[in-house]
N, C-alpha and C. Protein backbone atom coordinates (compact mmCIF):
# COMPACT_ATOMS: atom_id res chain seq x y z
N UNK A 1 17.79 -12.79 -11.25
CA UNK A 1 16.76 -11.80 -11.48
C UNK A 1 15.98 -11.57 -10.19
N UNK A 2 15.56 -10.35 -9.97
CA UNK A 2 14.72 -9.98 -8.85
C UNK A 2 13.43 -10.80 -8.90
N UNK A 3 13.02 -11.34 -7.77
CA UNK A 3 11.79 -12.13 -7.70
C UNK A 3 10.88 -11.52 -6.64
N UNK A 4 9.62 -11.35 -7.00
CA UNK A 4 8.62 -10.83 -6.08
C UNK A 4 7.60 -11.92 -5.81
N UNK A 5 7.43 -12.26 -4.54
CA UNK A 5 6.37 -13.16 -4.12
C UNK A 5 5.22 -12.29 -3.63
N UNK A 6 4.08 -12.35 -4.33
CA UNK A 6 2.98 -11.49 -3.96
C UNK A 6 1.64 -12.04 -4.40
N UNK A 7 0.61 -11.55 -3.77
CA UNK A 7 -0.77 -11.87 -4.11
C UNK A 7 -1.34 -10.65 -4.82
N UNK A 8 -1.69 -10.77 -6.07
CA UNK A 8 -2.08 -9.64 -6.90
C UNK A 8 -3.33 -8.92 -6.38
N UNK A 9 -4.07 -9.58 -5.49
CA UNK A 9 -5.26 -8.95 -4.90
C UNK A 9 -4.91 -8.00 -3.76
N UNK A 10 -3.68 -8.06 -3.29
CA UNK A 10 -3.25 -7.29 -2.13
C UNK A 10 -2.73 -5.92 -2.54
N UNK A 11 -3.26 -4.88 -1.90
CA UNK A 11 -2.75 -3.53 -2.14
C UNK A 11 -1.30 -3.40 -1.76
N UNK A 12 -0.88 -4.09 -0.69
CA UNK A 12 0.53 -4.04 -0.29
C UNK A 12 1.43 -4.63 -1.36
N UNK A 13 0.97 -5.66 -2.03
CA UNK A 13 1.75 -6.26 -3.12
C UNK A 13 1.70 -5.39 -4.37
N UNK A 14 0.52 -4.85 -4.65
CA UNK A 14 0.38 -4.02 -5.84
C UNK A 14 1.28 -2.79 -5.81
N UNK A 15 1.40 -2.17 -4.64
CA UNK A 15 2.22 -0.96 -4.60
C UNK A 15 3.68 -1.27 -4.92
N UNK A 16 4.15 -2.45 -4.55
CA UNK A 16 5.51 -2.86 -4.91
C UNK A 16 5.59 -3.07 -6.42
N UNK A 17 4.61 -3.74 -6.99
CA UNK A 17 4.57 -3.95 -8.44
C UNK A 17 4.56 -2.62 -9.18
N UNK A 18 3.74 -1.68 -8.72
CA UNK A 18 3.66 -0.37 -9.37
C UNK A 18 5.00 0.35 -9.36
N UNK A 19 5.71 0.29 -8.22
CA UNK A 19 7.01 0.97 -8.13
C UNK A 19 8.02 0.32 -9.07
N UNK A 20 8.06 -1.00 -9.08
CA UNK A 20 9.00 -1.70 -9.96
C UNK A 20 8.70 -1.40 -11.42
N UNK A 21 7.42 -1.39 -11.78
CA UNK A 21 7.04 -1.07 -13.17
C UNK A 21 7.41 0.36 -13.52
N UNK A 22 7.15 1.29 -12.60
CA UNK A 22 7.47 2.69 -12.84
C UNK A 22 8.97 2.88 -13.09
N UNK A 23 9.77 2.18 -12.32
CA UNK A 23 11.23 2.31 -12.43
C UNK A 23 11.82 1.44 -13.53
N UNK A 24 11.00 0.67 -14.22
CA UNK A 24 11.47 -0.17 -15.32
C UNK A 24 12.35 -1.33 -14.87
N UNK A 25 12.10 -1.83 -13.67
CA UNK A 25 12.91 -2.94 -13.15
C UNK A 25 12.45 -4.26 -13.76
N UNK A 26 13.39 -5.11 -14.08
CA UNK A 26 13.07 -6.48 -14.52
C UNK A 26 12.86 -7.32 -13.27
N UNK A 27 11.76 -8.06 -13.26
CA UNK A 27 11.50 -8.91 -12.11
C UNK A 27 10.59 -10.06 -12.54
N UNK A 28 10.63 -11.08 -11.73
CA UNK A 28 9.75 -12.22 -11.91
C UNK A 28 8.71 -12.17 -10.79
N UNK A 29 7.44 -12.27 -11.15
CA UNK A 29 6.36 -12.24 -10.16
C UNK A 29 5.93 -13.68 -9.89
N UNK A 30 5.97 -14.10 -8.63
CA UNK A 30 5.51 -15.42 -8.24
C UNK A 30 4.21 -15.22 -7.46
N UNK A 31 3.10 -15.55 -8.11
CA UNK A 31 1.80 -15.38 -7.48
C UNK A 31 1.73 -16.31 -6.27
N UNK A 32 1.42 -15.73 -5.12
CA UNK A 32 1.41 -16.44 -3.86
C UNK A 32 0.05 -16.22 -3.22
N UNK A 33 -0.82 -17.18 -3.38
CA UNK A 33 -2.20 -17.06 -2.93
C UNK A 33 -2.28 -17.22 -1.41
N UNK A 34 -2.50 -16.11 -0.73
CA UNK A 34 -2.54 -16.17 0.74
C UNK A 34 -3.79 -16.87 1.25
N UNK A 35 -4.85 -16.86 0.45
CA UNK A 35 -6.10 -17.51 0.88
C UNK A 35 -5.97 -19.03 0.93
N UNK A 36 -5.05 -19.59 0.15
CA UNK A 36 -4.86 -21.04 0.16
C UNK A 36 -3.58 -21.45 0.90
N UNK A 37 -3.00 -20.52 1.66
CA UNK A 37 -1.82 -20.85 2.46
C UNK A 37 -0.50 -20.74 1.74
N UNK A 38 -0.47 -20.05 0.61
CA UNK A 38 0.76 -19.94 -0.17
C UNK A 38 1.93 -19.30 0.57
N UNK A 39 1.63 -18.47 1.55
CA UNK A 39 2.70 -17.83 2.31
C UNK A 39 2.99 -18.57 3.62
N UNK A 40 2.42 -19.75 3.77
CA UNK A 40 2.61 -20.54 5.00
C UNK A 40 3.31 -21.87 4.75
N UNK A 41 3.81 -22.06 3.53
CA UNK A 41 4.53 -23.30 3.23
C UNK A 41 5.90 -23.25 3.91
N UNK A 42 6.50 -24.40 4.06
CA UNK A 42 7.83 -24.46 4.69
C UNK A 42 8.85 -23.66 3.88
N UNK A 43 8.79 -23.77 2.55
CA UNK A 43 9.74 -23.03 1.71
C UNK A 43 9.56 -21.52 1.87
N UNK A 44 8.30 -21.07 1.90
CA UNK A 44 8.07 -19.63 2.03
C UNK A 44 8.51 -19.16 3.40
N UNK A 45 8.17 -19.89 4.45
CA UNK A 45 8.54 -19.49 5.80
C UNK A 45 10.05 -19.50 6.02
N UNK A 46 10.77 -20.33 5.28
CA UNK A 46 12.23 -20.31 5.36
C UNK A 46 12.77 -19.01 4.77
N UNK A 47 12.06 -18.47 3.81
CA UNK A 47 12.47 -17.22 3.17
C UNK A 47 12.00 -16.02 3.99
N UNK A 48 10.78 -16.08 4.52
CA UNK A 48 10.21 -15.00 5.31
C UNK A 48 9.44 -15.62 6.48
N UNK A 49 10.05 -15.71 7.65
CA UNK A 49 9.43 -16.35 8.80
C UNK A 49 8.11 -15.69 9.23
N UNK A 50 7.87 -14.45 8.82
CA UNK A 50 6.61 -13.78 9.16
C UNK A 50 5.46 -14.31 8.31
N UNK A 51 5.78 -14.98 7.21
CA UNK A 51 4.76 -15.56 6.36
C UNK A 51 3.87 -14.54 5.69
N UNK A 52 4.46 -13.43 5.27
CA UNK A 52 3.67 -12.36 4.66
C UNK A 52 4.17 -12.03 3.26
N UNK A 53 3.24 -11.58 2.45
CA UNK A 53 3.58 -11.02 1.14
C UNK A 53 3.29 -9.53 1.20
N UNK A 54 4.05 -8.74 0.44
CA UNK A 54 5.08 -9.15 -0.50
C UNK A 54 6.40 -9.48 0.20
N UNK A 55 7.12 -10.34 -0.45
CA UNK A 55 8.50 -10.65 -0.10
C UNK A 55 9.28 -10.65 -1.39
N UNK A 56 10.46 -10.05 -1.36
CA UNK A 56 11.29 -10.05 -2.57
C UNK A 56 12.58 -10.80 -2.29
N UNK A 57 13.11 -11.37 -3.36
CA UNK A 57 14.44 -11.97 -3.33
C UNK A 57 15.28 -11.19 -4.32
N UNK A 58 16.30 -10.53 -3.81
CA UNK A 58 17.19 -9.72 -4.65
C UNK A 58 18.08 -10.63 -5.49
N UNK A 59 18.73 -10.04 -6.47
CA UNK A 59 19.61 -10.79 -7.37
C UNK A 59 20.67 -11.58 -6.62
N UNK A 60 21.12 -11.04 -5.48
CA UNK A 60 22.18 -11.71 -4.73
C UNK A 60 21.64 -12.72 -3.70
N UNK A 61 20.32 -12.94 -3.69
CA UNK A 61 19.73 -13.94 -2.82
C UNK A 61 19.19 -13.40 -1.50
N UNK A 62 19.51 -12.15 -1.16
CA UNK A 62 18.97 -11.59 0.07
C UNK A 62 17.48 -11.34 -0.09
N UNK A 63 16.75 -11.45 1.01
CA UNK A 63 15.30 -11.23 0.98
C UNK A 63 14.95 -9.95 1.73
N UNK A 64 13.80 -9.41 1.37
CA UNK A 64 13.29 -8.22 2.02
C UNK A 64 11.77 -8.31 2.02
N UNK A 65 11.16 -8.00 3.15
CA UNK A 65 9.71 -8.03 3.28
C UNK A 65 9.23 -6.67 3.75
N UNK A 66 7.92 -6.56 3.92
CA UNK A 66 7.21 -5.35 4.31
C UNK A 66 7.19 -4.37 3.13
N UNK A 67 6.00 -4.13 2.63
CA UNK A 67 5.82 -3.36 1.39
C UNK A 67 6.49 -2.00 1.43
N UNK A 68 6.35 -1.27 2.53
CA UNK A 68 6.92 0.08 2.54
C UNK A 68 8.45 0.04 2.59
N UNK A 69 9.03 -0.96 3.24
CA UNK A 69 10.49 -1.11 3.23
C UNK A 69 10.96 -1.42 1.81
N UNK A 70 10.21 -2.26 1.11
CA UNK A 70 10.56 -2.59 -0.27
C UNK A 70 10.46 -1.35 -1.16
N UNK A 71 9.40 -0.59 -0.99
CA UNK A 71 9.25 0.65 -1.77
C UNK A 71 10.44 1.57 -1.54
N UNK A 72 10.80 1.77 -0.30
CA UNK A 72 11.92 2.67 0.02
C UNK A 72 13.23 2.15 -0.54
N UNK A 73 13.42 0.84 -0.52
CA UNK A 73 14.65 0.26 -1.07
C UNK A 73 14.80 0.63 -2.55
N UNK A 74 13.73 0.46 -3.31
CA UNK A 74 13.83 0.72 -4.74
C UNK A 74 13.73 2.20 -5.08
N UNK A 75 13.07 2.99 -4.24
CA UNK A 75 12.91 4.41 -4.54
C UNK A 75 14.12 5.25 -4.11
N UNK A 76 15.02 4.64 -3.37
CA UNK A 76 16.23 5.37 -2.93
C UNK A 76 16.92 6.01 -4.14
N UNK A 77 17.21 7.31 -4.03
CA UNK A 77 17.89 8.02 -5.11
C UNK A 77 16.99 8.47 -6.24
N UNK A 78 15.68 8.26 -6.12
CA UNK A 78 14.73 8.73 -7.13
C UNK A 78 14.01 9.96 -6.59
N UNK A 79 13.27 10.65 -7.43
CA UNK A 79 12.50 11.81 -6.96
C UNK A 79 11.39 11.45 -5.97
N UNK A 80 11.12 10.17 -5.78
CA UNK A 80 10.01 9.75 -4.91
C UNK A 80 10.40 9.66 -3.44
N UNK A 81 11.67 9.93 -3.14
CA UNK A 81 12.14 10.08 -1.76
C UNK A 81 12.66 11.51 -1.66
N UNK A 82 11.95 12.37 -0.93
CA UNK A 82 12.34 13.79 -0.88
C UNK A 82 13.76 13.99 -0.39
N UNK A 83 14.44 14.94 -1.01
CA UNK A 83 15.79 15.30 -0.57
C UNK A 83 15.76 16.11 0.70
N UNK A 84 14.77 16.99 0.84
CA UNK A 84 14.64 17.83 2.01
C UNK A 84 14.38 16.95 3.24
N UNK A 85 15.13 17.16 4.31
CA UNK A 85 15.05 16.30 5.49
C UNK A 85 13.65 16.33 6.12
N UNK A 86 13.03 17.49 6.18
CA UNK A 86 11.70 17.58 6.78
C UNK A 86 10.67 16.85 5.91
N UNK A 87 10.71 17.08 4.61
CA UNK A 87 9.77 16.39 3.72
C UNK A 87 9.98 14.88 3.75
N UNK A 88 11.24 14.45 3.86
CA UNK A 88 11.53 13.03 3.95
C UNK A 88 10.96 12.46 5.26
N UNK A 89 11.11 13.20 6.35
CA UNK A 89 10.54 12.77 7.63
C UNK A 89 9.01 12.71 7.54
N UNK A 90 8.40 13.65 6.85
CA UNK A 90 6.94 13.61 6.67
C UNK A 90 6.53 12.37 5.86
N UNK A 91 7.34 12.04 4.86
CA UNK A 91 7.07 10.82 4.08
C UNK A 91 7.07 9.60 5.01
N UNK A 92 8.10 9.50 5.87
CA UNK A 92 8.16 8.39 6.83
C UNK A 92 6.97 8.42 7.78
N UNK A 93 6.59 9.61 8.22
CA UNK A 93 5.44 9.74 9.12
C UNK A 93 4.19 9.14 8.48
N UNK A 94 3.96 9.47 7.20
CA UNK A 94 2.80 8.93 6.50
C UNK A 94 2.93 7.42 6.29
N UNK A 95 4.13 6.94 6.00
CA UNK A 95 4.32 5.49 5.81
C UNK A 95 4.03 4.72 7.09
N UNK A 96 4.50 5.24 8.23
CA UNK A 96 4.23 4.57 9.49
C UNK A 96 2.73 4.63 9.80
N UNK A 97 2.13 5.80 9.57
CA UNK A 97 0.70 5.97 9.81
C UNK A 97 -0.13 5.03 8.94
N UNK A 98 0.30 4.85 7.69
CA UNK A 98 -0.42 3.98 6.76
C UNK A 98 -0.53 2.56 7.31
N UNK A 99 0.56 2.05 7.84
CA UNK A 99 0.55 0.67 8.33
C UNK A 99 -0.08 0.52 9.71
N UNK A 100 -0.18 1.62 10.46
CA UNK A 100 -0.71 1.55 11.82
C UNK A 100 -2.15 2.04 11.92
N UNK A 101 -2.51 3.06 11.15
CA UNK A 101 -3.81 3.72 11.32
C UNK A 101 -4.71 3.71 10.10
N UNK A 102 -4.24 3.21 8.98
CA UNK A 102 -5.04 3.20 7.75
C UNK A 102 -5.27 1.76 7.29
N UNK A 103 -4.22 1.07 6.95
CA UNK A 103 -4.30 -0.29 6.40
C UNK A 103 -5.03 -1.27 7.32
N UNK A 104 -4.82 -1.22 8.65
CA UNK A 104 -5.51 -2.19 9.51
C UNK A 104 -7.03 -2.03 9.53
N UNK A 105 -7.53 -0.94 9.03
CA UNK A 105 -8.97 -0.69 9.03
C UNK A 105 -9.54 -0.70 7.63
N UNK A 106 -8.99 0.11 6.75
CA UNK A 106 -9.52 0.19 5.39
C UNK A 106 -9.28 -1.12 4.65
N UNK A 107 -8.08 -1.65 4.71
CA UNK A 107 -7.76 -2.90 4.01
C UNK A 107 -8.45 -4.10 4.65
N UNK A 108 -8.52 -4.12 5.97
CA UNK A 108 -9.14 -5.27 6.64
C UNK A 108 -10.65 -5.30 6.37
N UNK A 109 -11.29 -4.13 6.36
CA UNK A 109 -12.72 -4.10 6.01
C UNK A 109 -12.92 -4.60 4.58
N UNK A 110 -12.04 -4.19 3.67
CA UNK A 110 -12.11 -4.67 2.28
C UNK A 110 -11.96 -6.19 2.24
N UNK A 111 -10.98 -6.71 2.95
CA UNK A 111 -10.73 -8.15 2.98
C UNK A 111 -11.96 -8.90 3.50
N UNK A 112 -12.52 -8.41 4.57
CA UNK A 112 -13.66 -9.10 5.15
C UNK A 112 -14.88 -9.07 4.23
N UNK A 113 -15.12 -7.93 3.59
CA UNK A 113 -16.29 -7.83 2.71
C UNK A 113 -16.06 -8.58 1.40
N UNK A 114 -14.91 -8.34 0.75
CA UNK A 114 -14.67 -8.86 -0.58
C UNK A 114 -14.25 -10.33 -0.60
N UNK A 115 -13.40 -10.72 0.33
CA UNK A 115 -12.83 -12.06 0.27
C UNK A 115 -13.45 -13.04 1.28
N UNK A 116 -13.94 -12.54 2.39
CA UNK A 116 -14.60 -13.42 3.35
C UNK A 116 -16.12 -13.40 3.18
N UNK A 117 -16.61 -12.47 2.35
CA UNK A 117 -18.04 -12.42 2.05
C UNK A 117 -18.92 -11.92 3.17
N UNK A 118 -18.35 -11.17 4.11
CA UNK A 118 -19.15 -10.64 5.20
C UNK A 118 -20.07 -9.52 4.69
N UNK A 119 -21.21 -9.42 5.28
CA UNK A 119 -22.12 -8.31 4.98
C UNK A 119 -21.69 -7.10 5.79
N UNK A 120 -22.23 -5.94 5.44
CA UNK A 120 -21.89 -4.72 6.17
C UNK A 120 -22.18 -4.86 7.66
N UNK A 121 -23.27 -5.51 8.00
CA UNK A 121 -23.64 -5.65 9.41
C UNK A 121 -22.74 -6.64 10.15
N UNK A 122 -22.00 -7.47 9.43
CA UNK A 122 -21.11 -8.44 10.07
C UNK A 122 -19.72 -7.88 10.34
N UNK A 123 -19.39 -6.74 9.73
CA UNK A 123 -18.09 -6.13 9.95
C UNK A 123 -18.17 -5.32 11.24
N UNK A 124 -17.18 -5.50 12.10
CA UNK A 124 -17.17 -4.82 13.39
C UNK A 124 -17.30 -3.30 13.20
N UNK A 125 -18.24 -2.66 13.88
CA UNK A 125 -18.44 -1.21 13.72
C UNK A 125 -17.18 -0.39 14.01
N UNK A 126 -16.38 -0.84 14.98
CA UNK A 126 -15.15 -0.10 15.32
C UNK A 126 -14.17 -0.09 14.14
N UNK A 127 -14.13 -1.16 13.39
CA UNK A 127 -13.28 -1.24 12.20
C UNK A 127 -13.70 -0.17 11.18
N UNK A 128 -14.99 -0.06 10.97
CA UNK A 128 -15.51 0.93 10.01
C UNK A 128 -15.29 2.35 10.54
N UNK A 129 -15.49 2.55 11.82
CA UNK A 129 -15.30 3.87 12.42
C UNK A 129 -13.85 4.34 12.25
N UNK A 130 -12.92 3.45 12.53
CA UNK A 130 -11.50 3.83 12.41
C UNK A 130 -11.08 3.99 10.96
N UNK A 131 -11.66 3.19 10.06
CA UNK A 131 -11.38 3.38 8.64
C UNK A 131 -11.87 4.72 8.15
N UNK A 132 -13.07 5.10 8.56
CA UNK A 132 -13.61 6.42 8.17
C UNK A 132 -12.75 7.54 8.75
N UNK A 133 -12.28 7.36 9.98
CA UNK A 133 -11.41 8.37 10.59
C UNK A 133 -10.11 8.51 9.80
N UNK A 134 -9.56 7.40 9.34
CA UNK A 134 -8.33 7.45 8.54
C UNK A 134 -8.57 8.18 7.23
N UNK A 135 -9.67 7.88 6.57
CA UNK A 135 -9.98 8.56 5.30
C UNK A 135 -10.25 10.04 5.52
N UNK A 136 -10.90 10.38 6.63
CA UNK A 136 -11.12 11.80 6.96
C UNK A 136 -9.80 12.51 7.23
N UNK A 137 -8.86 11.81 7.85
CA UNK A 137 -7.52 12.38 8.10
C UNK A 137 -6.83 12.69 6.78
N UNK A 138 -6.93 11.79 5.83
CA UNK A 138 -6.36 12.04 4.50
C UNK A 138 -7.04 13.23 3.85
N UNK A 139 -8.35 13.29 3.92
CA UNK A 139 -9.10 14.40 3.32
C UNK A 139 -8.62 15.73 3.87
N UNK A 140 -8.45 15.81 5.18
CA UNK A 140 -8.00 17.05 5.80
C UNK A 140 -6.58 17.41 5.35
N UNK A 141 -5.70 16.45 5.32
CA UNK A 141 -4.32 16.72 4.90
C UNK A 141 -4.27 17.19 3.45
N UNK A 142 -5.09 16.59 2.62
CA UNK A 142 -5.07 16.92 1.19
C UNK A 142 -5.85 18.19 0.87
N UNK A 143 -6.48 18.78 1.87
CA UNK A 143 -7.12 20.08 1.66
C UNK A 143 -6.06 21.18 1.70
N UNK A 144 -4.90 20.86 2.24
CA UNK A 144 -3.81 21.84 2.38
C UNK A 144 -2.73 21.66 1.32
N UNK A 145 -2.52 20.44 0.86
CA UNK A 145 -1.45 20.14 -0.08
C UNK A 145 -1.92 19.14 -1.13
N UNK A 146 -1.29 19.17 -2.31
CA UNK A 146 -1.63 18.20 -3.35
C UNK A 146 -1.01 16.84 -3.08
N UNK A 147 0.12 16.83 -2.37
CA UNK A 147 0.85 15.60 -2.08
C UNK A 147 1.05 15.48 -0.59
N UNK A 148 1.35 14.31 -0.11
CA UNK A 148 1.43 14.08 1.32
C UNK A 148 2.72 14.56 1.96
N UNK A 149 3.81 14.59 1.21
CA UNK A 149 5.11 14.91 1.82
C UNK A 149 5.91 15.84 0.93
N UNK A 150 5.52 17.09 0.87
CA UNK A 150 6.25 18.06 0.08
C UNK A 150 5.50 18.45 -1.18
N UNK A 151 6.23 19.09 -2.07
CA UNK A 151 5.62 19.67 -3.26
C UNK A 151 5.49 18.71 -4.44
N UNK A 152 5.92 17.47 -4.25
CA UNK A 152 5.85 16.51 -5.36
C UNK A 152 5.49 15.13 -4.81
N UNK A 153 5.09 14.22 -5.68
CA UNK A 153 4.69 12.88 -5.22
C UNK A 153 5.86 12.13 -4.60
N UNK A 154 5.53 11.32 -3.60
CA UNK A 154 6.56 10.54 -2.93
C UNK A 154 6.06 9.11 -2.71
N UNK A 155 6.92 8.31 -2.13
CA UNK A 155 6.57 6.95 -1.77
C UNK A 155 5.33 6.93 -0.88
N UNK A 156 5.14 7.95 -0.06
CA UNK A 156 3.97 8.01 0.82
C UNK A 156 2.68 8.01 0.02
N UNK A 157 2.66 8.77 -1.07
CA UNK A 157 1.45 8.81 -1.90
C UNK A 157 1.17 7.45 -2.51
N UNK A 158 2.19 6.79 -3.01
CA UNK A 158 2.01 5.48 -3.62
C UNK A 158 1.53 4.47 -2.58
N UNK A 159 2.13 4.50 -1.39
CA UNK A 159 1.77 3.55 -0.35
C UNK A 159 0.31 3.72 0.07
N UNK A 160 -0.11 4.96 0.23
CA UNK A 160 -1.46 5.20 0.74
C UNK A 160 -2.55 5.06 -0.32
N UNK A 161 -2.21 5.21 -1.57
CA UNK A 161 -3.25 5.10 -2.59
C UNK A 161 -3.70 3.65 -2.80
N UNK A 162 -2.84 2.71 -2.47
CA UNK A 162 -3.14 1.30 -2.77
C UNK A 162 -4.48 0.86 -2.21
N UNK A 163 -4.72 1.08 -0.94
CA UNK A 163 -6.00 0.67 -0.36
C UNK A 163 -7.04 1.79 -0.38
N UNK A 164 -6.60 3.04 -0.41
CA UNK A 164 -7.57 4.13 -0.44
C UNK A 164 -8.42 4.07 -1.71
N UNK A 165 -7.79 3.79 -2.85
CA UNK A 165 -8.54 3.75 -4.11
C UNK A 165 -9.53 2.59 -4.16
N UNK A 166 -9.36 1.62 -3.28
CA UNK A 166 -10.26 0.47 -3.22
C UNK A 166 -11.13 0.48 -1.97
N UNK A 167 -11.16 1.59 -1.27
CA UNK A 167 -11.90 1.67 0.00
C UNK A 167 -13.37 1.33 -0.17
N UNK A 168 -13.94 1.65 -1.32
CA UNK A 168 -15.35 1.34 -1.57
C UNK A 168 -15.63 -0.17 -1.47
N UNK A 169 -14.62 -0.99 -1.78
CA UNK A 169 -14.80 -2.44 -1.69
C UNK A 169 -14.94 -2.92 -0.25
N UNK A 170 -14.55 -2.06 0.69
CA UNK A 170 -14.71 -2.37 2.10
C UNK A 170 -15.92 -1.69 2.72
N UNK A 171 -16.67 -0.98 1.88
CA UNK A 171 -17.88 -0.32 2.37
C UNK A 171 -17.70 1.14 2.72
N UNK A 172 -16.57 1.73 2.34
CA UNK A 172 -16.33 3.14 2.61
C UNK A 172 -16.72 3.98 1.40
N UNK A 173 -17.47 5.03 1.64
CA UNK A 173 -17.94 5.92 0.58
C UNK A 173 -16.96 7.08 0.43
N UNK A 174 -16.33 7.19 -0.74
CA UNK A 174 -15.39 8.28 -0.98
C UNK A 174 -16.06 9.52 -1.57
N UNK A 175 -17.34 9.44 -1.87
CA UNK A 175 -17.99 10.59 -2.53
C UNK A 175 -17.94 11.87 -1.69
N UNK A 176 -17.99 11.82 -0.34
CA UNK A 176 -17.88 13.07 0.41
C UNK A 176 -16.44 13.54 0.63
N UNK A 177 -15.48 12.91 -0.05
CA UNK A 177 -14.06 13.24 0.13
C UNK A 177 -13.45 13.72 -1.18
N UNK A 178 -13.77 14.93 -1.62
CA UNK A 178 -13.31 15.39 -2.93
C UNK A 178 -11.79 15.52 -3.03
N UNK A 179 -11.13 15.93 -1.95
CA UNK A 179 -9.67 16.05 -1.99
C UNK A 179 -9.02 14.68 -2.18
N UNK A 180 -9.55 13.68 -1.49
CA UNK A 180 -9.03 12.31 -1.62
C UNK A 180 -9.25 11.81 -3.04
N UNK A 181 -10.42 12.04 -3.59
CA UNK A 181 -10.71 11.55 -4.96
C UNK A 181 -9.79 12.21 -5.99
N UNK A 182 -9.57 13.52 -5.86
CA UNK A 182 -8.65 14.21 -6.80
C UNK A 182 -7.23 13.70 -6.63
N UNK A 183 -6.82 13.47 -5.37
CA UNK A 183 -5.48 12.96 -5.09
C UNK A 183 -5.29 11.57 -5.69
N UNK A 184 -6.29 10.70 -5.54
CA UNK A 184 -6.20 9.36 -6.13
C UNK A 184 -5.94 9.48 -7.63
N UNK A 185 -6.67 10.35 -8.31
CA UNK A 185 -6.49 10.52 -9.76
C UNK A 185 -5.09 11.02 -10.07
N UNK A 186 -4.58 11.96 -9.27
CA UNK A 186 -3.21 12.46 -9.49
C UNK A 186 -2.18 11.34 -9.32
N UNK A 187 -2.31 10.59 -8.24
CA UNK A 187 -1.35 9.51 -7.96
C UNK A 187 -1.42 8.44 -9.06
N UNK A 188 -2.61 8.08 -9.47
CA UNK A 188 -2.74 7.08 -10.53
C UNK A 188 -2.07 7.56 -11.81
N UNK A 189 -2.21 8.83 -12.12
CA UNK A 189 -1.59 9.39 -13.32
C UNK A 189 -0.07 9.37 -13.22
N UNK A 190 0.45 9.90 -12.12
CA UNK A 190 1.91 10.00 -11.95
C UNK A 190 2.57 8.62 -11.93
N UNK A 191 1.95 7.65 -11.25
CA UNK A 191 2.57 6.35 -11.09
C UNK A 191 2.10 5.34 -12.13
N UNK A 192 1.28 5.77 -13.08
CA UNK A 192 0.86 4.89 -14.17
C UNK A 192 -0.02 3.74 -13.72
N UNK A 193 -0.89 4.00 -12.74
CA UNK A 193 -1.76 2.95 -12.19
C UNK A 193 -3.08 2.97 -12.95
N UNK A 194 -3.51 1.78 -13.37
CA UNK A 194 -4.81 1.72 -14.05
C UNK A 194 -5.78 0.87 -13.28
């Protein structure tokens, strides 16, 4: 059976869970608490030397890490990977941007505030500035289109909603971003996220 090693508090892990649930995949979830070193044990590092969750073990024993790679693996051949080459490239563009320009700021601010207990004044201002810039970038993109990569929802929407919908936990105010808020509601509806 497919096994997912993940920390349920992590947006990167949740987006994998949401995709598997949406597709009706049978899997076993192994809760891996990153705060207590669950991804740093010898057994875990033998499976994933990067020591990160999520990590999956396929039925045949092969492993795969990195949330967006896992999403793409399972979404292959579904409507969530655009058939049109340009729309598919835009989906990849958003996935790369999510891990480079969104998650390192929005998710890290959330982690520091929610899990490390830092106050707003203790979070590095540059982190907040770049997180706000990422959310503003989403707002601008969603003023032109309902979805990030083409005329229908894709893996890019699922990947980016994971931490965007929780941005307030990192101290980001979504109230001035109406396009983002409407998009979050659309993505949650389509992907069955509660």
